[in-house]
Amino acid sequence: MVLLENDSFLTELTRLFQKCRTSGSVAITLKKYDGRTKPVPKKGHPESFEPADNKCLIRASDGKKKISTVVSSFFELSFSAYSNLLRAHIDGLKKKDKKSKSKKTKATQ
């Protein structure tokens, strides 16, 4: 997995979306990131670790190529270009079929 700077991540994400426009998909995950590079220690060995600020790890993959970036809370407002990019390229979503409440209540009784 390649950890990129924020600007280069956005350009690579745009390329992934363009490549998968006709066929394929792009999986995107967001995760809270505390800056650790090693696993969390066991309960018997407490370690005082205080993250400096809140960070978010954003990953994107098309199945073959994986990219990621870390966004600090200081840059979250300037990273609004990410949300604009998602709005522009996420158009193939399907609405989820909702089951009516009457069918649900009859099944449980």
Protein backbone atom coordinates (compact mmCIF):
# COMPACT_ATOMS: atom_id res chain seq x y z
CA MET A 1 0.00 0.00 0.00
CA VAL A 2 1.32 3.39 -0.96
CA LEU A 3 1.02 6.25 1.54
CA LEU A 4 0.69 9.46 -0.45
CA GLU A 5 0.50 13.15 0.33
CA ASN A 6 -3.00 14.64 0.29
CA ASP A 7 -2.75 16.34 -3.12
CA SER A 8 -1.19 13.36 -4.87
CA PHE A 9 -3.78 11.09 -3.24
CA LEU A 10 -6.59 13.14 -4.78
CA THR A 11 -5.03 12.96 -8.25
CA GLU A 12 -4.46 9.20 -7.97
CA LEU A 13 -8.01 8.72 -6.71
CA THR A 14 -9.31 10.62 -9.73
CA ARG A 15 -7.29 8.30 -11.98
CA LEU A 16 -8.73 5.25 -10.19
CA PHE A 17 -12.27 6.55 -10.70
CA GLN A 18 -11.63 7.26 -14.38
CA LYS A 19 -10.10 3.81 -14.92
CA CYS A 20 -13.02 2.04 -13.26
CA ARG A 21 -15.69 4.23 -14.88
CA THR A 22 -16.86 1.64 -17.42
CA SER A 23 -16.15 -1.57 -15.53
CA GLY A 24 -14.90 -2.35 -12.08
CA SER A 25 -15.27 -0.66 -8.73
CA VAL A 26 -13.31 1.40 -6.25
CA ALA A 27 -13.45 0.55 -2.54
CA ILE A 28 -12.89 3.44 -0.13
CA THR A 29 -12.40 3.13 3.62
CA LEU A 30 -12.00 5.73 6.34
CA LYS A 31 -10.49 4.88 9.69
CA LYS A 32 -9.34 6.75 12.78
CA TYR A 33 -5.56 6.76 12.84
CA ASP A 34 -3.51 7.34 15.97
CA GLY A 35 -0.08 7.25 14.36
CA ARG A 36 1.01 3.84 15.57
CA THR A 37 3.18 1.78 13.28
CA LYS A 38 3.29 -1.24 15.61
CA PRO A 39 0.40 -3.27 17.05
CA VAL A 40 -1.26 -2.24 20.32
CA PRO A 41 0.60 -3.84 23.27
CA LYS A 42 -1.02 -6.53 25.40
CA LYS A 43 -2.86 -5.60 28.59
CA GLY A 44 -0.01 -6.83 30.79
CA HIS A 45 2.41 -4.27 29.38
CA PRO A 46 0.76 -0.85 29.40
CA GLU A 47 2.43 1.79 27.32
CA SER A 48 1.60 5.46 27.57
CA PHE A 49 0.89 6.60 24.05
CA GLU A 50 -0.80 9.94 23.48
CA PRO A 51 -1.54 10.91 19.88
CA ALA A 52 -0.69 14.51 19.08
CA ASP A 53 -3.94 15.21 17.21
CA ASN A 54 -6.83 13.40 15.59
CA LYS A 55 -6.03 11.88 12.23
CA CYS A 56 -7.98 9.96 9.64
CA LEU A 57 -6.56 7.22 7.41
CA ILE A 58 -8.23 7.11 3.99
CA ARG A 59 -7.63 4.10 1.76
CA ALA A 60 -8.77 3.42 -1.79
CA SER A 61 -8.35 0.31 -3.89
CA ASP A 62 -9.54 -0.99 -7.24
CA GLY A 63 -8.51 -4.56 -6.48
CA LYS A 64 -5.05 -4.22 -7.97
CA LYS A 65 -3.77 -0.83 -6.94
CA LYS A 66 -4.00 0.44 -3.35
CA ILE A 67 -3.43 4.02 -2.25
CA SER A 68 -3.80 5.73 1.11
CA THR A 69 -3.28 9.03 2.88
CA VAL A 70 -3.43 10.41 6.39
CA VAL A 71 -5.47 13.56 6.95
CA SER A 72 -4.83 15.57 10.09
CA SER A 73 -7.59 17.49 11.85
CA PHE A 74 -5.77 20.70 10.92
CA PHE A 75 -6.27 20.01 7.21
CA GLU A 76 -9.83 18.70 7.26
CA LEU A 77 -11.33 21.92 5.93
CA SER A 78 -8.83 22.13 3.11
CA PHE A 79 -9.49 18.46 2.30
CA SER A 80 -13.08 19.22 1.28
CA ALA A 81 -11.93 18.60 -2.29
CA TYR A 82 -12.15 14.91 -1.34
CA SER A 83 -15.89 15.16 -0.74
CA ASN A 84 -16.36 17.07 -4.00
CA LEU A 85 -14.45 14.34 -5.83
CA LEU A 86 -16.66 11.65 -4.32
CA ARG A 87 -19.84 13.51 -5.24
CA ALA A 88 -18.65 13.83 -8.83
CA HIS A 89 -17.71 10.18 -9.33
CA ILE A 90 -20.17 8.20 -7.22
CA ASP A 91 -23.10 7.86 -9.56
CA GLY A 92 -23.54 4.10 -9.84
CA LEU A 93 -25.01 3.55 -6.39
CA LYS A 94 -28.22 1.58 -6.18
CA LYS A 95 -30.97 2.26 -3.70
CA LYS A 96 -31.43 -0.43 -1.10
CA ASP A 97 -34.76 -2.23 -1.19
CA LYS A 98 -36.66 -1.52 2.00
CA LYS A 99 -39.09 -4.11 3.26
CA SER A 100 -42.40 -2.76 4.43
CA LYS A 101 -43.17 -2.76 8.15
CA SER A 102 -46.34 -4.81 7.69
CA LYS A 103 -44.43 -7.74 6.23
CA LYS A 104 -41.85 -7.46 8.99
CA THR A 105 -44.41 -7.46 11.82
CA LYS A 106 -46.31 -10.42 10.32
CA ALA A 107 -43.12 -12.44 10.12
CA THR A 108 -42.24 -11.85 13.77
CA GLN A 109 -45.73 -12.71 15.12
